[in-house]
Amino acid sequence: MAVTALSNTVSNSTRLTLNGDYQGQTGSYNPQFTRNKTILLGTGDGQADLAYWEKDASIANGASVDIDIHGQIQAQFGGTIDAAKVKQILLVNKGTDDADQLLIGGGTNNLTCLPAAMTCPAGGEFEMFGPGLNGLAAVGAGTSDIITISNTGPNNITYDLLVVCTSA
């Protein structure tokens, strides 16, 4: 079964409120940042036609998992995902202990946008988003098609992973 519709909206909103006083002066500082970007069905600029989602996946302490996004993982509607370009990676670490750290990247044949392992702390998120024509990285079958997730903490960790890609 083929994907017939895809819509992915990425929204980030941050608002900081900082109140204080300095040398008798009281003030408030309230910077705000908001960004919304939508990806629709296709393989071009601002488009994607493949998505891989793991919800509440578990990884044992000291273990690693390699997710091969070119020909090795099942698509949501059957068949395998044969990604050509990656547009978004989102990893959510659902660990609750400060020592529950996940590493993403740094393995053998990892995507070129993940050359070194990066830490995603307990309760944290790691996200990369590149909606343009070339996305975050081209996927090379057998050479740069792996997303490695490693658990460096003392506990089993539950995580969510979303990978949005194109087939061409």
C-alpha atoms as a PDB file:
ATOM      1  CA  MET A   1       0.000   0.000   0.000  1.00  0.00           C
ATOM      2  CA  ALA A   2       1.416   3.393  -0.974  1.00  0.00           C
ATOM      3  CA  VAL A   3       1.273   6.590   1.052  1.00  0.00           C
ATOM      4  CA  THR A   4      -1.440   8.756  -0.482  1.00  0.00           C
ATOM      5  CA  ALA A   5      -1.175  11.760   1.834  1.00  0.00           C
ATOM      6  CA  LEU A   6       1.459  13.160   4.147  1.00  0.00           C
ATOM      7  CA  SER A   7       1.367  16.332   6.194  1.00  0.00           C
ATOM      8  CA  ASN A   8       3.925  17.011   8.908  1.00  0.00           C
ATOM      9  CA  THR A   9       3.902  20.303  10.796  1.00  0.00           C
ATOM     10  CA  VAL A  10       6.910  21.119  12.943  1.00  0.00           C
ATOM     11  CA  SER A  11       6.196  23.804  15.527  1.00  0.00           C
ATOM     12  CA  ASN A  12       8.634  25.292  17.973  1.00  0.00           C
ATOM     13  CA  SER A  13       7.655  27.983  20.412  1.00  0.00           C
ATOM     14  CA  THR A  14       9.804  29.311  23.221  1.00  0.00           C
ATOM     15  CA  ARG A  15       8.942  32.139  25.555  1.00  0.00           C
ATOM     16  CA  LEU A  16      11.300  33.169  28.316  1.00  0.00           C
ATOM     17  CA  THR A  17      10.255  35.395  31.183  1.00  0.00           C
ATOM     18  CA  LEU A  18      13.088  36.876  33.175  1.00  0.00           C
ATOM     19  CA  ASN A  19      12.368  39.319  35.999  1.00  0.00           C
ATOM     20  CA  GLY A  20      14.920  40.948  38.200  1.00  0.00           C
ATOM     21  CA  ASP A  21      16.487  44.045  39.581  1.00  0.00           C
ATOM     22  CA  TYR A  22      19.939  45.550  39.285  1.00  0.00           C
ATOM     23  CA  GLN A  23      21.185  48.612  41.145  1.00  0.00           C
ATOM     24  CA  GLY A  24      17.693  49.695  42.144  1.00  0.00           C
ATOM     25  CA  GLN A  25      16.225  49.181  38.680  1.00  0.00           C
ATOM     26  CA  THR A  26      13.499  46.554  38.268  1.00  0.00           C
ATOM     27  CA  GLY A  27      12.772  45.098  34.894  1.00  0.00           C
ATOM     28  CA  SER A  28      11.418  42.275  32.843  1.00  0.00           C
ATOM     29  CA  TYR A  29      12.795  40.583  29.737  1.00  0.00           C
ATOM     30  CA  ASN A  30      10.447  38.466  27.615  1.00  0.00           C
ATOM     31  CA  PRO A  31      11.984  37.174  24.379  1.00  0.00           C
ATOM     32  CA  GLN A  32       9.800  34.875  22.289  1.00  0.00           C
ATOM     33  CA  PHE A  33      10.616  32.608  19.360  1.00  0.00           C
ATOM     34  CA  THR A  34       8.008  30.839  17.242  1.00  0.00           C
ATOM     35  CA  ARG A  35       8.473  28.803  14.074  1.00  0.00           C
ATOM     36  CA  ASN A  36       6.091  26.637  12.074  1.00  0.00           C
ATOM     37  CA  LYS A  37       7.026  24.610   8.998  1.00  0.00           C
ATOM     38  CA  THR A  38       4.900  22.083   7.119  1.00  0.00           C
ATOM     39  CA  ILE A  39       6.079  19.231   4.916  1.00  0.00           C
ATOM     40  CA  LEU A  40       3.606  17.850   2.385  1.00  0.00           C
ATOM     41  CA  LEU A  41       3.546  14.737   0.194  1.00  0.00           C
ATOM     42  CA  GLY A  42       6.246  14.566  -2.483  1.00  0.00           C
ATOM     43  CA  THR A  43      10.009  14.321  -2.895  1.00  0.00           C
ATOM     44  CA  GLY A  44      10.974  17.956  -3.518  1.00  0.00           C
ATOM     45  CA  ASP A  45      11.548  21.103  -1.486  1.00  0.00           C
ATOM     46  CA  GLY A  46       9.279  21.100   1.581  1.00  0.00           C
ATOM     47  CA  GLN A  47       8.081  17.579   0.811  1.00  0.00           C
ATOM     48  CA  ALA A  48       8.483  13.979   2.007  1.00  0.00           C
ATOM     49  CA  ASP A  49       6.828  10.687   1.174  1.00  0.00           C
ATOM     50  CA  LEU A  50       8.195   8.281   3.811  1.00  0.00           C
ATOM     51  CA  ALA A  51       7.998   8.223   7.591  1.00  0.00           C
ATOM     52  CA  TYR A  52       9.229   5.799  10.224  1.00  0.00           C
ATOM     53  CA  TRP A  53       7.898   5.997  13.782  1.00  0.00           C
ATOM     54  CA  GLU A  54       8.803   4.019  16.887  1.00  0.00           C
ATOM     55  CA  LYS A  55       6.626   4.824  19.885  1.00  0.00           C
ATOM     56  CA  ASP A  56       7.587   3.607  23.337  1.00  0.00           C
ATOM     57  CA  ALA A  57      10.503   1.552  22.037  1.00  0.00           C
ATOM     58  CA  SER A  58      12.807   0.178  24.718  1.00  0.00           C
ATOM     59  CA  ILE A  59      16.567  -0.184  24.781  1.00  0.00           C
ATOM     60  CA  ALA A  60      18.449  -2.091  27.473  1.00  0.00           C
ATOM     61  CA  ASN A  61      21.234  -0.503  29.491  1.00  0.00           C
ATOM     62  CA  GLY A  62      24.539  -0.779  27.636  1.00  0.00           C
ATOM     63  CA  ALA A  63      22.816  -1.785  24.382  1.00  0.00           C
ATOM     64  CA  SER A  64      22.709  -0.170  20.935  1.00  0.00           C
ATOM     65  CA  VAL A  65      20.258  -0.439  18.086  1.00  0.00           C
ATOM     66  CA  ASP A  66      20.977   0.273  14.416  1.00  0.00           C
ATOM     67  CA  ILE A  67      18.018   1.475  12.370  1.00  0.00           C
ATOM     68  CA  ASP A  68      18.679   0.947   8.660  1.00  0.00           C
ATOM     69  CA  ILE A  69      16.463   3.369   6.753  1.00  0.00           C
ATOM     70  CA  HIS A  70      17.272   1.908   3.345  1.00  0.00           C
ATOM     71  CA  GLY A  71      15.645  -1.462   2.839  1.00  0.00           C
ATOM     72  CA  GLN A  72      15.687  -2.924   6.341  1.00  0.00           C
ATOM     73  CA  ILE A  73      12.769  -1.422   8.273  1.00  0.00           C
ATOM     74  CA  GLN A  74       9.071  -1.932   7.685  1.00  0.00           C
ATOM     75  CA  ALA A  75       6.944   0.953   6.476  1.00  0.00           C
ATOM     76  CA  GLN A  76       3.684   1.671   8.313  1.00  0.00           C
ATOM     77  CA  PHE A  77       1.603   0.437   5.333  1.00  0.00           C
ATOM     78  CA  GLY A  78       3.754  -2.553   4.377  1.00  0.00           C
ATOM     79  CA  GLY A  79       6.914  -2.991   2.374  1.00  0.00           C
ATOM     80  CA  THR A  80      10.244  -1.557   3.391  1.00  0.00           C
ATOM     81  CA  ILE A  81      11.464   2.017   3.628  1.00  0.00           C
ATOM     82  CA  ASP A  82      14.038   2.820   0.954  1.00  0.00           C
ATOM     83  CA  ALA A  83      14.969   6.375   1.904  1.00  0.00           C
ATOM     84  CA  ALA A  84      16.947   8.584  -0.463  1.00  0.00           C
ATOM     85  CA  LYS A  85      17.053  11.732   1.699  1.00  0.00           C
ATOM     86  CA  VAL A  86      16.275  12.458   5.346  1.00  0.00           C
ATOM     87  CA  LYS A  87      14.212  15.545   6.151  1.00  0.00           C
ATOM     88  CA  GLN A  88      13.634  15.169   9.920  1.00  0.00           C
ATOM     89  CA  ILE A  89      14.915  13.132  12.859  1.00  0.00           C
ATOM     90  CA  LEU A  90      13.253  13.401  16.260  1.00  0.00           C
ATOM     91  CA  LEU A  91      14.390  11.346  19.256  1.00  0.00           C
ATOM     92  CA  VAL A  92      12.540  11.684  22.580  1.00  0.00           C
ATOM     93  CA  ASN A  93      14.245  10.165  25.639  1.00  0.00           C
ATOM     94  CA  LYS A  94      11.535   9.115  28.103  1.00  0.00           C
ATOM     95  CA  GLY A  95      14.035   8.172  30.800  1.00  0.00           C
ATOM     96  CA  THR A  96      13.440   9.733  34.211  1.00  0.00           C
ATOM     97  CA  ASP A  97      16.767   9.182  35.990  1.00  0.00           C
ATOM     98  CA  ASP A  98      19.481  11.796  35.331  1.00  0.00           C
ATOM     99  CA  ALA A  99      21.796   8.964  34.287  1.00  0.00           C
ATOM    100  CA  ASP A 100      19.358   7.758  31.562  1.00  0.00           C
ATOM    101  CA  GLN A 101      21.251   9.097  28.565  1.00  0.00           C
ATOM    102  CA  LEU A 102      20.831   8.067  24.962  1.00  0.00           C
ATOM    103  CA  LEU A 103      23.384   8.674  22.243  1.00  0.00           C
ATOM    104  CA  ILE A 104      22.285   9.140  18.639  1.00  0.00           C
ATOM    105  CA  GLY A 105      24.730   8.710  15.764  1.00  0.00           C
ATOM    106  CA  GLY A 106      28.388   7.839  15.771  1.00  0.00           C
ATOM    107  CA  GLY A 107      27.990   4.236  14.633  1.00  0.00           C
ATOM    108  CA  THR A 108      29.182   2.438  11.526  1.00  0.00           C
ATOM    109  CA  ASN A 109      27.561   3.640   8.273  1.00  0.00           C
ATOM    110  CA  ASN A 110      25.588   6.352  10.078  1.00  0.00           C
ATOM    111  CA  LEU A 111      23.874   9.126   8.169  1.00  0.00           C
ATOM    112  CA  THR A 112      26.321  11.897   7.272  1.00  0.00           C
ATOM    113  CA  CYS A 113      24.304  14.340   9.408  1.00  0.00           C
ATOM    114  CA  LEU A 114      25.110  12.132  12.450  1.00  0.00           C
ATOM    115  CA  PRO A 115      28.900  11.677  12.161  1.00  0.00           C
ATOM    116  CA  ALA A 116      29.548  11.789  15.902  1.00  0.00           C
ATOM    117  CA  ALA A 117      27.408  10.548  18.757  1.00  0.00           C
ATOM    118  CA  MET A 118      25.274  13.270  20.325  1.00  0.00           C
ATOM    119  CA  THR A 119      23.688  13.023  23.767  1.00  0.00           C
ATOM    120  CA  CYS A 120      19.957  13.114  24.382  1.00  0.00           C
ATOM    121  CA  PRO A 121      19.539  13.392  28.179  1.00  0.00           C
ATOM    122  CA  ALA A 122      16.726  11.951  30.283  1.00  0.00           C
ATOM    123  CA  GLY A 123      13.472  13.763  29.535  1.00  0.00           C
ATOM    124  CA  GLY A 124      15.122  15.495  26.593  1.00  0.00           C
ATOM    125  CA  GLU A 125      14.656  15.656  22.859  1.00  0.00           C
ATOM    126  CA  PHE A 126      17.059  15.668  19.950  1.00  0.00           C
ATOM    127  CA  GLU A 127      15.743  17.061  16.686  1.00  0.00           C
ATOM    128  CA  MET A 128      17.173  17.892  13.293  1.00  0.00           C
ATOM    129  CA  PHE A 129      14.947  19.363  10.584  1.00  0.00           C
ATOM    130  CA  GLY A 130      15.946  20.120   7.000  1.00  0.00           C
ATOM    131  CA  PRO A 131      12.856  20.495   4.793  1.00  0.00           C
ATOM    132  CA  GLY A 132      14.717  21.757   1.710  1.00  0.00           C
ATOM    133  CA  LEU A 133      15.263  19.833  -1.514  1.00  0.00           C
ATOM    134  CA  ASN A 134      18.448  18.135  -0.218  1.00  0.00           C
ATOM    135  CA  GLY A 135      17.144  17.597   3.324  1.00  0.00           C
ATOM    136  CA  LEU A 136      19.567  16.843   6.152  1.00  0.00           C
ATOM    137  CA  ALA A 137      21.487  14.117   4.337  1.00  0.00           C
ATOM    138  CA  ALA A 138      21.446  11.871   1.320  1.00  0.00           C
ATOM    139  CA  VAL A 139      21.077   8.196   2.176  1.00  0.00           C
ATOM    140  CA  GLY A 140      23.647   5.812   0.740  1.00  0.00           C
ATOM    141  CA  ALA A 141      22.581   2.160   0.776  1.00  0.00           C
ATOM    142  CA  GLY A 142      25.151   0.239   2.814  1.00  0.00           C
ATOM    143  CA  THR A 143      27.359   3.296   3.391  1.00  0.00           C
ATOM    144  CA  SER A 144      25.314   6.022   5.117  1.00  0.00           C
ATOM    145  CA  ASP A 145      21.900   4.620   5.943  1.00  0.00           C
ATOM    146  CA  ILE A 146      22.051   3.841   9.673  1.00  0.00           C
ATOM    147  CA  ILE A 147      20.744   5.711  12.704  1.00  0.00           C
ATOM    148  CA  THR A 148      22.474   4.302  15.783  1.00  0.00           C
ATOM    149  CA  ILE A 149      20.858   4.774  19.196  1.00  0.00           C
ATOM    150  CA  SER A 150      22.869   3.709  22.254  1.00  0.00           C
ATOM    151  CA  ASN A 151      21.918   3.539  25.916  1.00  0.00           C
ATOM    152  CA  THR A 152      24.825   4.652  28.099  1.00  0.00           C
ATOM    153  CA  GLY A 153      22.767   4.731  31.290  1.00  0.00           C
ATOM    154  CA  PRO A 154      22.279   2.143  34.046  1.00  0.00           C
ATOM    155  CA  ASN A 155      18.577   1.544  33.281  1.00  0.00           C
ATOM    156  CA  ASN A 156      16.457   0.361  30.387  1.00  0.00           C
ATOM    157  CA  ILE A 157      15.167   3.455  28.571  1.00  0.00           C
ATOM    158  CA  THR A 158      11.942   4.010  26.650  1.00  0.00           C
ATOM    159  CA  TYR A 159      12.112   6.345  23.667  1.00  0.00           C
ATOM    160  CA  ASP A 160      10.175   7.632  20.668  1.00  0.00           C
ATOM    161  CA  LEU A 161      11.788   8.065  17.259  1.00  0.00           C
ATOM    162  CA  LEU A 162      10.426   9.778  14.142  1.00  0.00           C
ATOM    163  CA  VAL A 163      12.314   9.806  10.837  1.00  0.00           C
ATOM    164  CA  VAL A 164      10.769  11.645   7.863  1.00  0.00           C
ATOM    165  CA  CYS A 165      12.334  10.916   4.465  1.00  0.00           C
ATOM    166  CA  THR A 166      11.920  10.981   0.704  1.00  0.00           C
ATOM    167  CA  SER A 167      12.105   8.035  -1.667  1.00  0.00           C
ATOM    168  CA  ALA A 168      13.903  10.034  -4.377  1.00  0.00           C
END
